[in-house]
Amino acid sequence: MAERIVFELNGETRTIEVAPDTPLLYVVRNELGLNNPRFGCGLAQCGACTVHVDGAPTRSCSLPVSAAAGTKVTTLAGLGTPEHPHPLQAAFIVEQVPQCGYCLNGWIMTAAALLRDTPHPSEQQIRDGLSGLKCRCGTHMAILRAVRRAAQAA
C-alpha cells in the first residue's frame, strides 16, 4: 500500500506516494528521474548506489524509502554543478579516472563524506574509508590520486 513520503533531495523538498519498503534507489531513479546513483549488486556490497542521507554515505539499494522520510538526501548531482564542481568531481576529471564510469557515483559520494569528516586524510585513512567499494575497470590507483588531489585542494 502506498504512503506519502516527504524528504529533501539535493536541496528540494520532494513528496512521493510509494510503498514504504521500496528501496530509496528505485525512488530516486525511477520516480524522481535522477540517474547518478546506480544499481550495482542490490545487496549494499558494491557502493554504486551510494547517496548521502543527512550527510552519511548510505547504500540506497537496501534503504527503504520510509527510512529517508524527513531527511536530507544528496546524490552526486547535488554535490556540485558543471560550472562549480565539487573538488572531488574536479579531481576525478583532472586525474582522468573514469573508464566506464558505472561505479564512480559510489567512490565520489563515499570520498566526499570522508573528506568532509577528515579534511586531510592519510593514505591509510583514504584506503580504509573507501574499502568495500568495487570498480571492475581497475581504476583504483587513479581514484586514490584523485582523492589525494581533492584533499590537497581543501
C-alpha atoms as a PDB file:
ATOM      1  CA  MET A   1       0.000   0.000   0.000  1.00  0.00           C
ATOM      2  CA  ALA A   2       1.395   3.389  -0.992  1.00  0.00           C
ATOM      3  CA  GLU A   3       2.224   6.018   1.594  1.00  0.00           C
ATOM      4  CA  ARG A   4       3.039   9.698   1.286  1.00  0.00           C
ATOM      5  CA  ILE A   5       6.736  10.227   1.982  1.00  0.00           C
ATOM      6  CA  VAL A   6       8.462  13.602   2.134  1.00  0.00           C
ATOM      7  CA  PHE A   7      12.216  14.176   2.099  1.00  0.00           C
ATOM      8  CA  GLU A   8      14.691  16.686   0.744  1.00  0.00           C
ATOM      9  CA  LEU A   9      16.588  15.667  -2.387  1.00  0.00           C
ATOM     10  CA  ASN A  10      19.525  17.814  -3.461  1.00  0.00           C
ATOM     11  CA  GLY A  11      18.062  20.800  -1.645  1.00  0.00           C
ATOM     12  CA  GLU A  12      14.484  20.395  -2.942  1.00  0.00           C
ATOM     13  CA  THR A  13      11.564  19.071  -0.921  1.00  0.00           C
ATOM     14  CA  ARG A  14      10.106  16.037  -2.660  1.00  0.00           C
ATOM     15  CA  THR A  15       6.790  14.339  -1.907  1.00  0.00           C
ATOM     16  CA  ILE A  16       6.014  10.925  -3.335  1.00  0.00           C
ATOM     17  CA  GLU A  17       3.316   8.276  -2.986  1.00  0.00           C
ATOM     18  CA  VAL A  18       5.040   4.907  -2.881  1.00  0.00           C
ATOM     19  CA  ALA A  19       5.173   1.632  -0.973  1.00  0.00           C
ATOM     20  CA  PRO A  20       7.257   2.397   2.149  1.00  0.00           C
ATOM     21  CA  ASP A  21       9.527  -0.625   1.655  1.00  0.00           C
ATOM     22  CA  THR A  22      10.566   0.468  -1.856  1.00  0.00           C
ATOM     23  CA  PRO A  23      14.339   0.944  -1.936  1.00  0.00           C
ATOM     24  CA  LEU A  24      15.374   4.602  -1.955  1.00  0.00           C
ATOM     25  CA  LEU A  25      17.464   3.878  -5.059  1.00  0.00           C
ATOM     26  CA  TYR A  26      14.351   2.909  -7.040  1.00  0.00           C
ATOM     27  CA  VAL A  27      12.542   6.040  -5.930  1.00  0.00           C
ATOM     28  CA  VAL A  28      15.442   8.348  -6.808  1.00  0.00           C
ATOM     29  CA  ARG A  29      15.995   6.743 -10.212  1.00  0.00           C
ATOM     30  CA  ASN A  30      12.540   5.620 -11.323  1.00  0.00           C
ATOM     31  CA  GLU A  31      10.186   8.066  -9.617  1.00  0.00           C
ATOM     32  CA  LEU A  32      12.349  11.188  -9.466  1.00  0.00           C
ATOM     33  CA  GLY A  33      14.436  10.682 -12.618  1.00  0.00           C
ATOM     34  CA  LEU A  34      17.988  11.016 -11.273  1.00  0.00           C
ATOM     35  CA  ASN A  35      20.446   8.599 -12.818  1.00  0.00           C
ATOM     36  CA  ASN A  36      23.588   9.155 -10.747  1.00  0.00           C
ATOM     37  CA  PRO A  37      23.104   6.503  -8.086  1.00  0.00           C
ATOM     38  CA  ARG A  38      23.389   3.214  -9.934  1.00  0.00           C
ATOM     39  CA  PHE A  39      22.035  -0.250  -9.338  1.00  0.00           C
ATOM     40  CA  GLY A  40      25.050  -2.495  -8.924  1.00  0.00           C
ATOM     41  CA  CYS A  41      24.583  -5.543  -6.750  1.00  0.00           C
ATOM     42  CA  GLY A  42      21.331  -4.771  -4.939  1.00  0.00           C
ATOM     43  CA  LEU A  43      22.903  -6.066  -1.719  1.00  0.00           C
ATOM     44  CA  ALA A  44      24.688  -2.926  -0.428  1.00  0.00           C
ATOM     45  CA  GLN A  45      28.036  -4.519  -1.241  1.00  0.00           C
ATOM     46  CA  CYS A  46      29.453  -2.615  -4.223  1.00  0.00           C
ATOM     47  CA  GLY A  47      28.643   1.033  -3.436  1.00  0.00           C
ATOM     48  CA  ALA A  48      27.367   2.113  -6.868  1.00  0.00           C
ATOM     49  CA  CYS A  49      24.083   3.232  -5.260  1.00  0.00           C
ATOM     50  CA  THR A  50      25.668   5.437  -2.569  1.00  0.00           C
ATOM     51  CA  VAL A  51      23.902   8.670  -1.611  1.00  0.00           C
ATOM     52  CA  HIS A  52      24.246  10.849   1.481  1.00  0.00           C
ATOM     53  CA  VAL A  53      21.389  10.683   3.960  1.00  0.00           C
ATOM     54  CA  ASP A  54      21.760  13.541   6.425  1.00  0.00           C
ATOM     55  CA  GLY A  55      25.423  13.620   5.414  1.00  0.00           C
ATOM     56  CA  ALA A  56      26.179   9.928   5.942  1.00  0.00           C
ATOM     57  CA  PRO A  57      27.150   7.813   2.922  1.00  0.00           C
ATOM     58  CA  THR A  58      24.330   5.286   2.566  1.00  0.00           C
ATOM     59  CA  ARG A  59      23.754   2.397   0.181  1.00  0.00           C
ATOM     60  CA  SER A  60      20.378   3.356  -1.249  1.00  0.00           C
ATOM     61  CA  CYS A  61      19.637  -0.060  -2.769  1.00  0.00           C
ATOM     62  CA  SER A  62      18.972  -1.514   0.666  1.00  0.00           C
ATOM     63  CA  LEU A  63      17.434   1.506   2.418  1.00  0.00           C
ATOM     64  CA  PRO A  64      13.636   1.561   2.396  1.00  0.00           C
ATOM     65  CA  VAL A  65      12.388   4.954   1.273  1.00  0.00           C
ATOM     66  CA  SER A  66      10.384   5.199   4.505  1.00  0.00           C
ATOM     67  CA  ALA A  67      13.727   5.486   6.355  1.00  0.00           C
ATOM     68  CA  ALA A  68      14.505   8.590   4.291  1.00  0.00           C
ATOM     69  CA  ALA A  69      11.313  10.389   5.352  1.00  0.00           C
ATOM     70  CA  GLY A  70      12.203  13.750   6.876  1.00  0.00           C
ATOM     71  CA  THR A  71      15.888  13.500   5.897  1.00  0.00           C
ATOM     72  CA  LYS A  72      18.188  15.361   3.526  1.00  0.00           C
ATOM     73  CA  VAL A  73      19.296  13.107   0.690  1.00  0.00           C
ATOM     74  CA  THR A  74      22.150  14.204  -1.559  1.00  0.00           C
ATOM     75  CA  THR A  75      23.116  12.495  -4.795  1.00  0.00           C
ATOM     76  CA  LEU A  76      26.160  13.051  -6.971  1.00  0.00           C
ATOM     77  CA  ALA A  77      24.167  15.698  -8.848  1.00  0.00           C
ATOM     78  CA  GLY A  78      23.710  17.571  -5.576  1.00  0.00           C
ATOM     79  CA  LEU A  79      27.428  17.778  -4.766  1.00  0.00           C
ATOM     80  CA  GLY A  80      28.332  20.243  -7.486  1.00  0.00           C
ATOM     81  CA  THR A  81      27.392  21.609 -10.883  1.00  0.00           C
ATOM     82  CA  PRO A  82      29.242  21.620 -14.203  1.00  0.00           C
ATOM     83  CA  GLU A  83      30.052  25.289 -13.550  1.00  0.00           C
ATOM     84  CA  HIS A  84      31.080  24.725  -9.910  1.00  0.00           C
ATOM     85  CA  PRO A  85      32.041  21.080  -9.437  1.00  0.00           C
ATOM     86  CA  HIS A  86      32.748  19.610  -6.032  1.00  0.00           C
ATOM     87  CA  PRO A  87      36.550  19.341  -5.512  1.00  0.00           C
ATOM     88  CA  LEU A  88      36.293  15.561  -5.907  1.00  0.00           C
ATOM     89  CA  GLN A  89      34.407  15.855  -9.166  1.00  0.00           C
ATOM     90  CA  ALA A  90      37.089  18.227 -10.461  1.00  0.00           C
ATOM     91  CA  ALA A  91      39.896  15.954  -9.234  1.00  0.00           C
ATOM     92  CA  PHE A  92      38.344  12.893 -10.903  1.00  0.00           C
ATOM     93  CA  ILE A  93      38.343  14.812 -14.191  1.00  0.00           C
ATOM     94  CA  VAL A  94      41.922  16.066 -13.827  1.00  0.00           C
ATOM     95  CA  GLU A  95      43.170  12.591 -12.912  1.00  0.00           C
ATOM     96  CA  GLN A  96      41.167  11.101 -15.817  1.00  0.00           C
ATOM     97  CA  VAL A  97      39.638   8.487 -13.519  1.00  0.00           C
ATOM     98  CA  PRO A  98      36.543   7.450 -15.482  1.00  0.00           C
ATOM     99  CA  GLN A  99      36.656   4.472 -17.739  1.00  0.00           C
ATOM    100  CA  CYS A 100      33.165   3.030 -17.871  1.00  0.00           C
ATOM    101  CA  GLY A 101      32.068   5.354 -15.046  1.00  0.00           C
ATOM    102  CA  TYR A 102      29.472   2.990 -13.650  1.00  0.00           C
ATOM    103  CA  CYS A 103      30.909   2.847 -10.120  1.00  0.00           C
ATOM    104  CA  LEU A 104      32.105   6.456  -9.830  1.00  0.00           C
ATOM    105  CA  ASN A 105      28.987   7.598  -8.026  1.00  0.00           C
ATOM    106  CA  GLY A 106      29.875   5.376  -5.067  1.00  0.00           C
ATOM    107  CA  TRP A 107      33.523   6.359  -4.972  1.00  0.00           C
ATOM    108  CA  ILE A 108      32.852  10.097  -5.142  1.00  0.00           C
ATOM    109  CA  MET A 109      29.974  10.072  -2.660  1.00  0.00           C
ATOM    110  CA  THR A 110      31.940   7.975  -0.170  1.00  0.00           C
ATOM    111  CA  ALA A 111      35.101  10.040  -0.603  1.00  0.00           C
ATOM    112  CA  ALA A 112      33.146  13.302  -0.211  1.00  0.00           C
ATOM    113  CA  ALA A 113      31.926  12.187   3.210  1.00  0.00           C
ATOM    114  CA  LEU A 114      35.437  11.040   4.129  1.00  0.00           C
ATOM    115  CA  LEU A 115      36.962  14.408   3.193  1.00  0.00           C
ATOM    116  CA  ARG A 116      34.219  16.310   4.988  1.00  0.00           C
ATOM    117  CA  ASP A 117      34.926  14.369   8.194  1.00  0.00           C
ATOM    118  CA  THR A 118      38.705  14.079   7.703  1.00  0.00           C
ATOM    119  CA  PRO A 119      39.843  17.003   5.511  1.00  0.00           C
ATOM    120  CA  HIS A 120      43.478  15.878   5.277  1.00  0.00           C
ATOM    121  CA  PRO A 121      43.406  12.084   5.497  1.00  0.00           C
ATOM    122  CA  SER A 122      46.465   9.877   5.451  1.00  0.00           C
ATOM    123  CA  GLU A 123      46.888   7.330   2.690  1.00  0.00           C
ATOM    124  CA  GLN A 124      45.680   4.617   5.056  1.00  0.00           C
ATOM    125  CA  GLN A 125      42.621   6.646   6.077  1.00  0.00           C
ATOM    126  CA  ILE A 126      41.722   7.063   2.403  1.00  0.00           C
ATOM    127  CA  ARG A 127      42.130   3.347   1.724  1.00  0.00           C
ATOM    128  CA  ASP A 128      40.151   2.408   4.840  1.00  0.00           C
ATOM    129  CA  GLY A 129      37.427   4.942   4.063  1.00  0.00           C
ATOM    130  CA  LEU A 130      36.965   3.570   0.557  1.00  0.00           C
ATOM    131  CA  SER A 131      37.196  -0.103   1.446  1.00  0.00           C
ATOM    132  CA  GLY A 132      34.292  -2.181   0.261  1.00  0.00           C
ATOM    133  CA  LEU A 133      33.717  -0.218  -2.938  1.00  0.00           C
ATOM    134  CA  LYS A 134      34.072  -2.086  -6.205  1.00  0.00           C
ATOM    135  CA  CYS A 135      35.461  -0.996  -9.582  1.00  0.00           C
ATOM    136  CA  ARG A 136      35.620  -3.613 -12.298  1.00  0.00           C
ATOM    137  CA  CYS A 137      37.707  -1.398 -14.610  1.00  0.00           C
ATOM    138  CA  GLY A 138      40.588  -1.309 -12.148  1.00  0.00           C
ATOM    139  CA  THR A 139      40.932   2.474 -11.822  1.00  0.00           C
ATOM    140  CA  HIS A 140      41.717   2.193  -8.121  1.00  0.00           C
ATOM    141  CA  MET A 141      45.095   3.945  -8.326  1.00  0.00           C
ATOM    142  CA  ALA A 142      43.631   6.862 -10.285  1.00  0.00           C
ATOM    143  CA  ILE A 143      40.798   7.088  -7.756  1.00  0.00           C
ATOM    144  CA  LEU A 144      43.307   7.290  -4.900  1.00  0.00           C
ATOM    145  CA  ARG A 145      45.231  10.030  -6.756  1.00  0.00           C
ATOM    146  CA  ALA A 146      42.009  11.991  -7.264  1.00  0.00           C
ATOM    147  CA  VAL A 147      41.037  11.747  -3.593  1.00  0.00           C
ATOM    148  CA  ARG A 148      44.526  12.894  -2.551  1.00  0.00           C
ATOM    149  CA  ARG A 149      44.308  15.791  -5.046  1.00  0.00           C
ATOM    150  CA  ALA A 150      40.920  16.880  -3.673  1.00  0.00           C
ATOM    151  CA  ALA A 151      42.243  16.681  -0.099  1.00  0.00           C
ATOM    152  CA  GLN A 152      45.201  18.884  -1.009  1.00  0.00           C
ATOM    153  CA  ALA A 153      42.892  21.419  -2.674  1.00  0.00           C
ATOM    154  CA  ALA A 154      40.880  21.838   0.533  1.00  0.00           C
END
